Every structure is written in structure tokens, then in C-alpha cells.
Protein backbone atom coordinates (compact mmCIF):
# COMPACT_ATOMS: atom_id res chain seq x y z
CA UNK A 1 -28.06 7.38 4.98
CA UNK A 2 -31.03 10.38 3.82
CA UNK A 3 -33.08 10.00 1.12
CA UNK A 4 -31.37 13.17 -0.91
CA UNK A 5 -27.41 11.72 -0.30
CA UNK A 6 -28.39 8.18 -1.45
CA UNK A 7 -30.41 9.69 -4.89
CA UNK A 8 -27.67 12.22 -5.21
CA UNK A 9 -24.91 9.19 -4.90
CA UNK A 10 -26.71 6.69 -7.22
CA UNK A 11 -26.76 9.71 -9.95
CA UNK A 12 -23.50 9.83 -9.56
CA UNK A 13 -22.25 6.44 -9.76
CA UNK A 14 -25.02 5.85 -13.00
CA UNK A 15 -22.77 8.87 -14.20
CA UNK A 16 -19.54 7.63 -13.43
CA UNK A 17 -20.23 3.92 -14.76
CA UNK A 18 -22.09 4.77 -17.84
CA UNK A 19 -18.81 6.91 -19.05
CA UNK A 20 -16.28 4.68 -17.70
CA UNK A 21 -18.07 1.70 -20.33
CA UNK A 22 -17.73 4.81 -22.86
CA UNK A 23 -14.08 5.62 -22.75
CA UNK A 24 -12.24 3.86 -25.13
CA UNK A 25 -8.30 2.84 -24.59
CA UNK A 26 -6.58 3.85 -21.65
CA UNK A 27 -4.51 6.64 -20.28
CA UNK A 28 -0.78 7.03 -19.90
CA UNK A 29 0.20 7.76 -16.66
CA UNK A 30 3.29 11.12 -16.77
CA UNK A 31 5.00 12.42 -13.97
CA UNK A 32 4.21 16.29 -13.75
CA UNK A 33 7.02 17.04 -11.06
CA UNK A 34 9.09 15.05 -8.20
CA UNK A 35 11.58 16.00 -5.67
CA UNK A 36 13.96 14.77 -2.84
CA UNK A 37 12.55 14.83 0.84
CA UNK A 38 14.75 16.72 2.99
CA UNK A 39 16.66 13.45 4.92
CA UNK A 40 18.91 10.52 3.44
CA UNK A 41 19.55 7.13 5.34
CA UNK A 42 20.13 3.08 4.32
CA UNK A 43 17.23 2.38 2.12
CA UNK A 44 15.92 -0.61 3.85
CA UNK A 45 15.29 1.83 6.69
CA UNK A 46 13.79 4.56 5.35
CA UNK A 47 10.56 3.07 4.18
CA UNK A 48 7.65 5.53 4.68
CA UNK A 49 3.68 5.32 3.63
CA UNK A 50 1.43 7.84 1.50
CA UNK A 51 -2.08 8.60 2.21
CA UNK A 52 -4.62 10.71 -0.33
CA UNK A 53 -6.26 13.94 1.60
CA UNK A 54 -7.97 16.41 0.15
CA UNK A 55 -4.91 18.78 0.00
CA UNK A 56 -2.63 16.39 -1.60
CA UNK A 57 -1.47 13.39 0.46
CA UNK A 58 0.18 12.87 3.72
CA UNK A 59 3.30 11.06 3.94
CA UNK A 60 5.53 9.06 6.72
CA UNK A 61 8.79 8.18 6.91
CA UNK A 62 11.49 6.46 9.37
CA UNK A 63 14.50 8.74 10.35
CA UNK A 64 17.35 7.08 11.30
CA UNK A 65 19.20 8.89 14.02
CA UNK A 66 22.10 6.77 15.07
CA UNK A 67 21.84 6.07 19.22
CA UNK A 68 18.88 8.57 18.86
CA UNK A 69 16.47 5.48 17.64
CA UNK A 70 14.02 6.12 14.59
CA UNK A 71 12.49 9.34 14.73
CA UNK A 72 8.72 9.66 12.52
CA UNK A 73 8.63 12.44 9.85
CA UNK A 74 5.41 13.54 8.49
CA UNK A 75 4.83 15.29 5.14
CA UNK A 76 1.92 17.07 3.79
CA UNK A 77 2.43 17.26 0.04
CA UNK A 78 0.23 19.55 -2.14
CA UNK A 79 -1.21 18.33 -5.34
CA UNK A 80 1.70 20.70 -7.45
CA UNK A 81 4.57 18.64 -5.50
CA UNK A 82 4.55 21.70 -3.16
CA UNK A 83 5.76 20.51 0.55
CA UNK A 84 2.90 22.28 2.93
CA UNK A 85 4.08 21.28 6.50
CA UNK A 86 7.16 18.47 7.49
CA UNK A 87 7.49 17.91 10.81
CA UNK A 88 9.67 15.74 12.72
CA UNK A 89 7.92 13.97 15.12
CA UNK A 90 10.28 13.38 18.49
CA UNK A 91 9.05 10.81 21.44
CA UNK A 92 11.86 9.35 22.99
CA UNK A 93 9.68 6.87 24.86
CA UNK A 94 9.42 4.83 21.42
CA UNK A 95 11.05 3.74 17.83
CA UNK A 96 9.02 4.89 14.93
CA UNK A 97 10.01 1.86 12.36
CA UNK A 98 8.09 1.24 9.38
CA UNK A 99 5.22 3.75 9.90
CA UNK A 100 1.69 3.49 8.23
CA UNK A 101 -0.50 5.97 8.01
CA UNK A 102 -4.35 6.68 6.73
CA UNK A 103 -6.92 9.72 6.56
CA UNK A 104 -10.11 9.46 8.20
CA UNK A 105 -11.89 12.32 6.79
CA UNK A 106 -10.43 14.71 9.52
CA UNK A 107 -7.06 13.57 10.94
CA UNK A 108 -4.20 10.85 9.77
CA UNK A 109 -3.78 7.37 12.01
CA UNK A 110 -0.80 6.56 12.49
CA UNK A 111 0.91 3.40 13.37
CA UNK A 112 4.51 2.05 13.53
CA UNK A 113 6.74 -0.72 15.20
CA UNK A 114 8.75 0.24 18.09
CA UNK A 115 11.10 -2.82 17.24
CA UNK A 116 9.21 -4.51 20.36
CA UNK A 117 6.06 -3.41 20.52
CA UNK A 118 3.77 -1.22 18.36
CA UNK A 119 2.53 2.52 18.62
CA UNK A 120 -0.68 4.65 17.29
CA UNK A 121 -1.09 8.04 17.15
CA UNK A 122 -3.32 10.60 15.59
CA UNK A 123 -1.78 13.44 13.71
CA UNK A 124 -3.47 16.29 12.31
CA UNK A 125 -3.32 17.61 8.67
CA UNK A 126 -0.56 19.64 9.85
CA UNK A 127 1.27 17.45 11.61
CA UNK A 128 -0.11 18.12 14.85
CA UNK A 129 -0.08 15.15 17.22
CA UNK A 130 -3.86 14.94 18.27
CA UNK A 131 -3.44 11.68 20.31
CA UNK A 132 -0.27 11.21 21.73
CA UNK A 133 1.59 7.65 21.07
CA UNK A 134 -0.28 4.16 22.68
CA UNK A 135 1.21 0.95 22.84
CA UNK A 136 -1.46 -1.74 21.15
CA UNK A 137 -2.02 -4.69 23.94
CA UNK A 138 -1.66 -7.90 23.30
CA UNK A 139 1.99 -8.13 21.54
CA UNK A 140 4.20 -10.68 23.81
CA UNK A 141 7.50 -9.58 25.24
CA UNK A 142 10.60 -10.76 24.10
CA UNK A 143 10.30 -10.73 20.52
CA UNK A 144 10.45 -7.96 17.62
CA UNK A 145 7.19 -6.07 15.48
CA UNK A 146 7.79 -4.97 12.20
CA UNK A 147 5.48 -3.80 8.90
CA UNK A 148 2.69 -2.41 10.60
CA UNK A 149 -0.45 -1.12 8.29
CA UNK A 150 -3.23 0.81 8.70
CA UNK A 151 -6.52 1.39 7.46
CA UNK A 152 -9.49 3.50 7.85
CA UNK A 153 -12.75 2.22 8.18
CA UNK A 154 -16.52 3.29 9.21
CA UNK A 155 -16.24 1.77 12.36
CA UNK A 156 -12.63 2.73 13.26
CA UNK A 157 -9.20 2.32 12.71
CA UNK A 158 -8.11 -1.47 11.17
CA UNK A 159 -4.35 -2.20 12.16
CA UNK A 160 -2.62 -5.29 10.88
CA UNK A 161 1.32 -6.21 11.78
CA UNK A 162 3.71 -8.95 12.16
CA UNK A 163 4.67 -10.30 15.44
CA UNK A 164 8.35 -12.15 15.17
CA UNK A 165 8.48 -14.88 18.55
CA UNK A 166 11.73 -15.67 19.09
CA UNK A 167 12.96 -19.22 19.01
CA UNK A 168 15.11 -19.08 22.03
CA UNK A 169 15.58 -16.63 25.20
CA UNK A 170 17.52 -13.42 24.46
CA UNK A 171 17.07 -13.96 20.58
CA UNK A 172 18.24 -10.63 18.79
CA UNK A 173 19.18 -11.76 15.18
CA UNK A 174 17.79 -14.81 13.39
CA UNK A 175 14.55 -16.50 12.17
CA UNK A 176 11.62 -15.72 14.37
CA UNK A 177 8.34 -17.24 13.81
CA UNK A 178 6.08 -14.68 12.49
CA UNK A 179 2.50 -14.20 13.55
CA UNK A 180 -0.04 -11.31 11.49
CA UNK A 181 -2.15 -9.63 14.23
CA UNK A 182 -4.76 -7.29 14.17
CA UNK A 183 -6.34 -4.53 15.66
CA UNK A 184 -9.49 -2.37 15.71
CA UNK A 185 -9.26 0.66 17.21
CA UNK A 186 -11.11 3.90 17.99
CA UNK A 187 -10.38 7.43 18.26
CA UNK A 188 -8.81 7.51 21.44
CA UNK A 189 -7.54 4.29 20.59
CA UNK A 190 -9.05 2.29 22.39
CA UNK A 191 -9.13 -1.46 21.30
CA UNK A 192 -12.58 -2.62 19.82
CA UNK A 193 -11.50 -6.01 18.80
CA UNK A 194 -7.97 -7.29 18.47
CA UNK A 195 -6.96 -11.06 17.10
CA UNK A 196 -3.89 -13.19 16.20
CA UNK A 197 -4.51 -14.32 12.67
CA UNK A 198 -1.92 -16.88 12.06
CA UNK A 199 1.71 -17.58 11.03
CA UNK A 200 3.51 -16.12 7.98
CA UNK A 201 6.61 -16.25 6.58
CA UNK A 202 9.75 -16.35 8.71
CA UNK A 203 11.22 -13.09 9.58
CA UNK A 204 14.89 -12.65 9.61
CA UNK A 205 16.81 -9.89 11.75
CA UNK A 206 19.18 -8.06 11.39
CA UNK A 207 20.12 -8.70 8.13
CA UNK A 208 16.67 -8.03 6.12
CA UNK A 209 15.24 -5.05 7.25
CA UNK A 210 12.79 -3.66 5.04
CA UNK A 211 11.86 -7.29 3.53
CA UNK A 212 9.09 -7.84 5.72
CA UNK A 213 7.40 -4.73 4.38
CA UNK A 214 6.41 -6.97 1.62
CA UNK A 215 5.43 -10.02 3.60
CA UNK A 216 1.73 -8.64 3.55
CA UNK A 217 -1.03 -6.64 2.30
CA UNK A 218 -4.53 -6.04 2.90
CA UNK A 219 -7.84 -4.01 1.94
CA UNK A 220 -10.86 -3.10 2.91
CA UNK A 221 -13.43 -4.19 0.83
CA UNK A 222 -17.02 -2.15 2.81
CA UNK A 223 -17.92 -4.94 4.24
CA UNK A 224 -14.52 -7.27 5.46
CA UNK A 225 -10.53 -7.38 5.14
CA UNK A 226 -8.76 -9.30 1.69
CA UNK A 227 -5.42 -10.41 2.87
CA UNK A 228 -2.41 -11.65 1.10
CA UNK A 229 0.38 -12.58 2.80
CA UNK A 230 3.19 -14.86 1.89
CA UNK A 231 3.98 -18.32 3.66
CA UNK A 232 3.60 -22.09 3.69
CA UNK A 233 0.08 -22.96 3.69
CA UNK A 234 -1.76 -24.24 6.37
CA UNK A 235 -1.74 -27.96 4.84
CA UNK A 236 2.76 -26.99 4.69
CA UNK A 237 4.65 -26.45 1.88
CA UNK A 238 5.48 -24.53 -0.33
CA UNK A 239 6.04 -21.20 0.80
CA UNK A 240 3.86 -18.65 -1.58
CA UNK A 241 1.22 -16.13 -1.49
CA UNK A 242 -2.04 -17.10 -0.22
CA UNK A 243 -5.08 -15.08 0.23
CA UNK A 244 -8.13 -14.81 3.50
CA UNK A 245 -10.68 -12.73 4.19
CA UNK A 246 -11.79 -11.49 7.80
CA UNK A 247 -14.34 -9.73 9.25
CA UNK A 248 -13.74 -6.18 11.13
CA UNK A 249 -13.49 -8.76 14.90
CA UNK A 250 -11.22 -10.69 12.82
CA UNK A 251 -13.01 -13.56 12.46
CA UNK A 252 -12.86 -15.91 9.14
CA UNK A 253 -14.86 -15.41 6.74
CA UNK A 254 -12.67 -16.66 3.54
CA UNK A 255 -10.67 -19.40 3.99
CA UNK A 256 -6.78 -19.87 2.76
CA UNK A 257 -6.35 -20.06 -1.49
CA UNK A 258 -3.26 -19.95 -3.42
CA UNK A 259 -3.37 -16.29 -4.64
CA UNK A 260 -1.93 -17.80 -7.70
CA UNK A 261 -2.63 -20.63 -9.92
CA UNK A 262 0.72 -22.04 -11.50
CA UNK A 263 3.24 -20.92 -9.63
CA UNK A 264 4.71 -20.13 -6.61
CA UNK A 265 5.41 -16.03 -5.42
CA UNK A 266 6.51 -13.24 -2.78
CA UNK A 267 6.07 -9.28 -2.53
CA UNK A 268 1.92 -9.39 -2.55
CA UNK A 269 0.58 -5.97 -3.43
CA UNK A 270 -2.92 -5.11 -3.33
CA UNK A 271 -5.34 -2.58 -4.12
CA UNK A 272 -9.30 -2.41 -4.69
CA UNK A 273 -11.43 0.28 -6.78
CA UNK A 274 -14.27 -0.90 -5.08
CA UNK A 275 -15.25 -3.46 -8.04
CA UNK A 276 -12.56 -5.12 -7.85
CA UNK A 277 -9.05 -6.35 -6.05
CA UNK A 278 -5.81 -6.49 -7.44
CA UNK A 279 -2.75 -8.15 -7.02
CA UNK A 280 0.43 -8.63 -7.76
CA UNK A 281 3.54 -10.53 -6.96
CA UNK A 282 6.74 -12.03 -7.88
CA UNK A 283 8.97 -14.75 -8.68
CA UNK A 284 12.77 -14.12 -8.04
CA UNK A 285 14.73 -16.31 -10.27
CA UNK A 286 18.83 -15.86 -9.87
CA UNK A 287 20.43 -14.49 -12.81
CA UNK A 288 16.86 -13.26 -14.86
CA UNK A 289 15.40 -11.20 -11.90
CA UNK A 290 11.75 -10.91 -11.09
CA UNK A 291 9.13 -12.65 -12.99
CA UNK A 292 5.95 -10.64 -12.07
CA UNK A 293 2.47 -11.40 -11.93
CA UNK A 294 -0.89 -10.10 -11.71
CA UNK A 295 -4.15 -11.26 -10.68
CA UNK A 296 -7.73 -10.07 -10.02
CA UNK A 297 -10.54 -10.77 -7.62
CA UNK A 298 -14.28 -9.58 -7.13
CA UNK A 299 -15.39 -8.33 -4.17
CA UNK A 300 -16.42 -11.11 -2.04
CA UNK A 301 -12.75 -12.60 -3.12
CA UNK A 302 -13.36 -15.02 -6.11
CA UNK A 303 -10.45 -15.01 -8.89
CA UNK A 304 -12.42 -12.93 -12.34
CA UNK A 305 -9.26 -15.38 -13.99
CA UNK A 306 -6.25 -16.94 -13.41
CA UNK A 307 -2.60 -14.71 -12.92
CA UNK A 308 -1.39 -13.14 -15.84
CA UNK A 309 2.39 -12.76 -16.50
CA UNK A 310 4.14 -9.33 -17.28
CA UNK A 311 7.31 -7.45 -18.09
CA UNK A 312 8.77 -10.49 -17.20
CA UNK A 313 11.81 -11.00 -16.49
CA UNK A 314 12.76 -7.19 -16.82
CA UNK A 315 11.85 -6.55 -13.29
CA UNK A 316 14.82 -5.52 -11.04
CA UNK A 317 16.57 -8.62 -9.25
CA UNK A 318 17.00 -9.76 -6.32
CA UNK A 319 13.43 -9.92 -4.49
CA UNK A 320 12.00 -7.84 -1.94
CA UNK A 321 12.24 -4.73 -1.65
CA UNK A 322 12.54 -4.48 -5.22
CA UNK A 323 8.99 -5.48 -5.72
CA UNK A 324 6.18 -4.34 -7.94
CA UNK A 325 2.89 -2.13 -6.75
CA UNK A 326 -0.52 -1.66 -7.51
CA UNK A 327 -2.21 1.00 -7.61
CA UNK A 328 -5.79 2.90 -9.16
CA UNK A 329 -6.19 5.04 -12.40
CA UNK A 330 -9.08 6.30 -12.95
CA UNK A 331 -11.81 3.34 -12.43
CA UNK A 332 -8.97 0.77 -13.46
CA UNK A 333 -6.04 -0.51 -12.20
CA UNK A 334 -2.22 -0.14 -13.25
CA UNK A 335 0.64 -2.10 -11.65
CA UNK A 336 4.38 -0.13 -11.13
CA UNK A 337 7.77 -1.63 -11.15
CA UNK A 338 11.21 -0.48 -11.50
CA UNK A 339 13.39 -1.76 -14.65
CA UNK A 340 16.84 -0.97 -15.72
CA UNK A 341 17.60 0.04 -19.22
CA UNK A 342 21.16 0.88 -20.69
CA UNK A 343 21.76 4.12 -18.96
CA UNK A 344 19.33 4.16 -15.77
CA UNK A 345 16.56 2.45 -13.87
CA UNK A 346 12.64 3.63 -14.70
CA UNK A 347 9.48 3.17 -13.20
CA UNK A 348 7.51 1.00 -15.77
CA UNK A 349 3.53 0.36 -15.67
CA UNK A 350 0.94 -2.14 -17.09
CA UNK A 351 -2.78 -1.01 -17.02
CA UNK A 352 -5.17 -2.87 -16.40
CA UNK A 353 -9.59 -2.14 -16.78
CA UNK A 354 -11.90 -1.79 -13.82
CA UNK A 355 -12.63 -6.01 -14.33
CA UNK A 356 -8.64 -6.85 -14.30
CA UNK A 357 -8.36 -6.99 -17.81
CA UNK A 358 -4.90 -5.94 -19.77
CA UNK A 359 -5.19 -2.90 -22.06
CA UNK A 360 -2.97 -1.65 -23.61
CA UNK A 361 1.16 -1.86 -24.03
CA UNK A 362 3.23 -1.34 -21.06
CA UNK A 363 4.86 1.92 -21.18
CA UNK A 364 7.99 3.84 -19.06
CA UNK A 365 7.25 6.90 -16.66
CA UNK A 366 7.81 10.18 -18.10
CA UNK A 367 7.52 13.86 -17.84
CA UNK A 368 5.07 16.10 -19.73
CA UNK A 369 8.04 16.43 -22.18
CA UNK A 370 7.91 12.71 -23.24
CA UNK A 371 11.76 12.38 -21.40
CA UNK A 372 12.22 9.41 -19.47
CA UNK A 373 11.92 9.83 -16.16
CA UNK A 374 14.96 7.74 -14.38
CA UNK A 375 17.37 7.21 -11.81
CA UNK A 376 19.30 4.78 -9.64
CA UNK A 377 18.53 1.85 -8.76
CA UNK A 378 16.55 2.72 -6.04
CA UNK A 379 13.60 3.11 -7.71
CA UNK A 380 12.77 0.00 -7.17
CA UNK A 381 13.03 0.27 -3.71
CA UNK A 382 10.08 1.44 -1.31
CA UNK A 383 8.10 1.75 -4.65
CA UNK A 384 4.03 3.13 -4.07
CA UNK A 385 0.90 4.93 -5.58
CA UNK A 386 -1.73 6.41 -3.92
CA UNK A 387 -4.94 8.53 -5.03
CA UNK A 388 -7.27 8.16 -7.60
CA UNK A 389 -8.31 9.89 -10.89
CA UNK A 390 -6.60 12.36 -12.88
CA UNK A 391 -3.90 12.97 -9.56
CA UNK A 392 -1.56 10.20 -8.41
CA UNK A 393 1.08 10.53 -5.99
CA UNK A 394 4.10 8.03 -5.73
CA UNK A 395 6.83 7.61 -4.00
CA UNK A 396 10.66 5.69 -4.42
CA UNK A 397 13.83 6.39 -3.71
CA UNK A 398 17.03 7.81 -5.09
CA UNK A 399 20.74 7.10 -4.39
CA UNK A 400 23.91 8.81 -4.42
CA UNK A 401 25.21 4.66 -3.88
CA UNK A 402 26.04 5.59 -0.74
CA UNK A 403 22.68 6.53 1.33
CA UNK A 404 19.31 6.72 -0.23
CA UNK A 405 16.83 9.72 0.08
CA UNK A 406 13.31 9.39 -0.07
CA UNK A 407 11.81 10.72 -3.55
CA UNK A 408 7.78 11.77 -4.50
CA UNK A 409 6.33 12.52 -7.53
CA UNK A 410 3.45 13.96 -8.66
CA UNK A 411 1.27 12.14 -11.78
CA UNK A 412 -1.03 13.00 -13.80
CA UNK A 413 -3.28 10.60 -16.59
CA UNK A 414 -3.77 12.47 -20.11
CA UNK A 415 -7.75 12.26 -19.28
CA UNK A 416 -8.32 15.44 -18.69
CA UNK A 417 -11.70 15.04 -18.74
CA UNK A 418 -15.36 15.09 -16.78
CA UNK A 419 -14.74 11.37 -16.59
CA UNK A 420 -11.34 11.33 -14.42
CA UNK A 421 -13.09 14.28 -12.20
CA UNK A 422 -16.59 11.65 -11.73
CA UNK A 423 -14.11 9.41 -10.04
CA UNK A 424 -12.71 11.96 -7.83
CA UNK A 425 -15.80 13.11 -6.74
CA UNK A 426 -17.17 9.36 -6.48
CA UNK A 427 -13.75 8.56 -4.12
CA UNK A 428 -14.97 11.60 -2.25
CA UNK A 429 -18.81 10.12 -1.22
CA UNK A 430 -16.69 6.33 -0.77
CA UNK A 431 -14.68 8.19 1.97
CA UNK A 432 -17.63 9.81 3.62
CA UNK A 433 -20.53 7.61 3.13
CA UNK A 434 -18.98 3.97 3.53
CA UNK A 435 -17.91 1.99 0.29
CA UNK A 436 -20.70 -0.40 0.07
CA UNK A 437 -23.10 2.48 -0.86
CA UNK A 438 -21.43 3.66 -4.09
CA UNK A 439 -20.81 -0.05 -4.63
CA UNK A 440 -24.32 -0.90 -4.63
CA UNK A 441 -25.65 1.96 -6.35
CA UNK A 442 -23.03 0.88 -9.29
CA UNK A 443 -24.37 -2.64 -9.44
CA UNK A 444 -27.87 -1.35 -9.24
CA UNK A 445 -27.57 0.23 -12.45
CA UNK A 446 -25.34 -1.78 -14.11
């Protein structure tokens, strides 16, 4: 990076950090607007993904079309919640199951399961296909695939996903031995690296579609990948959540460790603000609901403290895919989950600061008039927060108790000040010039 750019980045980092230290308390998130999208289906089959971009947020979803298979739906949603673009991408050769996308600074990289393989493609901000689907190499024939994630790094697109190995030839249902696989791709879909990262929680078909989306999560630290996954330990039981770190080539740089100290869990979700990594997970207990936990790590993967339990046992019961999620709010974190009330279901938030210290009380999502933003049980399905600063995007589902519909929300914090504007600007510098530059600058001035 040039000297003038680095000096500007350092000044920005210093101002951001100083204002973050001076800001007391925490903000509360409100729902500015929300809408259902244009299609419906079985809740466990219409899972999607969000990725923030300069115009707002991009969204991809799996759209079941009977015998025609699974189509790819793309949306570009503006910062005011307006649908700027909507496209159905039909590719008769492939299904698009559980798609994921990321913003690379110019276009969206997309990856999805074809049910037996995985396809990578590139879309413009308007949803035009810039790169036709490319099958990822190295997936053995005869198994199942699911739960792909794609992240943008300065070295290319990083893709993680599950491959299920059959227990017997010709298997179409029951348990599969599940392996986490990794690819690093260039803009043309060329493979720069690939690796099998190990066995995960057993995959069950056909009765648990959607649950596999919660088997693992991953974030890019600027130097390596921090992965949280549900599995038995390499040394044996129990089935719980563990963490590892890998470099860009897929090589192990930090060995397996339990994500939580005092309990077993499932359904990990991650977020990072460039200073810390936030993890949340759940333990489903019959007749009680989900016990929810959060734990935070530094960027080298060292735990900052033991996990904390929050909101328990109010989280919607029965385990994945109704698990909690972790997002960013300004410079800190916020865990989100769905909880029942006497009349409906609501989204609740638990805020944490930039290093994972709990701040303030849990609260329910409301609109700008203070009315609780409630809905059906489906609010707990496919829950995701995306963005940083004072504008966030969220997705969940609504339901008429027959079919579910994707539900998207534009959220705001009540900190309308330059502090969050600085985090928005800092995020843009991170995306353009690499997370480590901003992180290094902040740490030098601390």
C-alpha cells in the first residue's frame, strides 16, 4: 500500500478507536422496514445468504420448483429495503441448493450445492452472470453435498462445504460420513488450493434438510481461517463444537480445541470485527428449549474468557435450524435469536463490546415506534445479520403454517453519530485494502 494511503488509514483507525473508547453504553437495534420476498416453499429448503455491498445487500436463495429442481434466486436490496434487482437464474444442468455469496469489491461470488457436487459462478451487482457455473473439482462421485460457504480474501474466493460419503453403494437416505472440504479459487474458477479438512457431524438425508447449514461456520481473520464445527473430537466423544484454524492453502495452523469449556453444544455461528472473533452456539434440551452460549477469541484463536450463557432457556426449542446467530453492531457484536412470547415470536438481541464483554440487557427487535417486530415460529429459521455500522440487514422467514417465505429486514442502531460513520468507512478500507492493514493500524495506536 502507498505511503499516503497507509497514513490515511492509520488516521482513520486512530479516530475510530478513540471514539469507540469514548462512547458509553450500547445502542439498540430497530427495524426500519421489512418485506417478504417473491416466492415461498418448505422452510428447510429455501435457505439463503446475504452479503453487504455498496448499494445495500445482495441475497441468494434456493427456490424449489417441483420436478424442475432447485433454482437460484438473486436479489439486490437497497439500504431503504427497496428491491433494486430480482432475477431467477435457471441452469438446467445444475441444482442450486443452500447457496452462499460474497462481495469481492466488484461482483458477487456465489457457490451452491448441486446435491451431489458444487457449482461456483460470478454475478454482477445486478445479477447478470459474469462467469457461468463451474463445478468444483475433487468431490467423489456417489455422495451428497451441502452447506457451502464462500468468503472473499485478497488472494481469491475461499469456499468451504460438506461432502457426505455413503455408508453403502447406492445410498439415497440415512446417515452419511461427512467431510469438510476447502477450495481457494481465482476469478475464473481456477483452483489455487484445495484440501479435505476432516470429518464432521454425521449428515442425515432426507429427513434433516437445512440442519446441515448449522454444522459449521468460518471467518477470515486477515491471515487465516477460523473454523467452528460440530463433530466428535478427533480423540472421540462427545459430539460438540470445536475450533481449528487453517491457512490459505488449507494447512492446519491451530489445532482442534473445544469451543466451549463447560458444556457440549451444536449450531455454531461466527462473526469478526477485525479485533475479535465472536462465536455463539446452542444446547437443545427437551421440554426446555435452546440454552444459548457466546464466547470470544482474539484473532490468533486464543479464547478471551470462558463462554457466557445468555437468554436460556428462551431460545426456540428443538435445535437447528432454529439456532442463534452472531453479527456486528458498530465496533461490537450482537447475538440474535428467536424467542416465543404469549402471542407470537420475536427476535431478541444480546449485545457485546468489541472484545466480547457483555454490555446492557437483552432486548426485543422493535420498529421505530417502539412496537415489537413479531411473527410466526419461522422468524427463527435461517436467521442472519449482515453489515456493520448503523445500517444492518437481516433475514429470517415468515409462515402461513403451510409454506414459508423469505423475510428480509433493514435495521438501524440509535447511534446516529460520526462513530458509526467511521466504522462504515473503516469497513470500506478493510474490504479494499485487506483486514490486516486496519487491524495493525488500530493496534499500533492503542
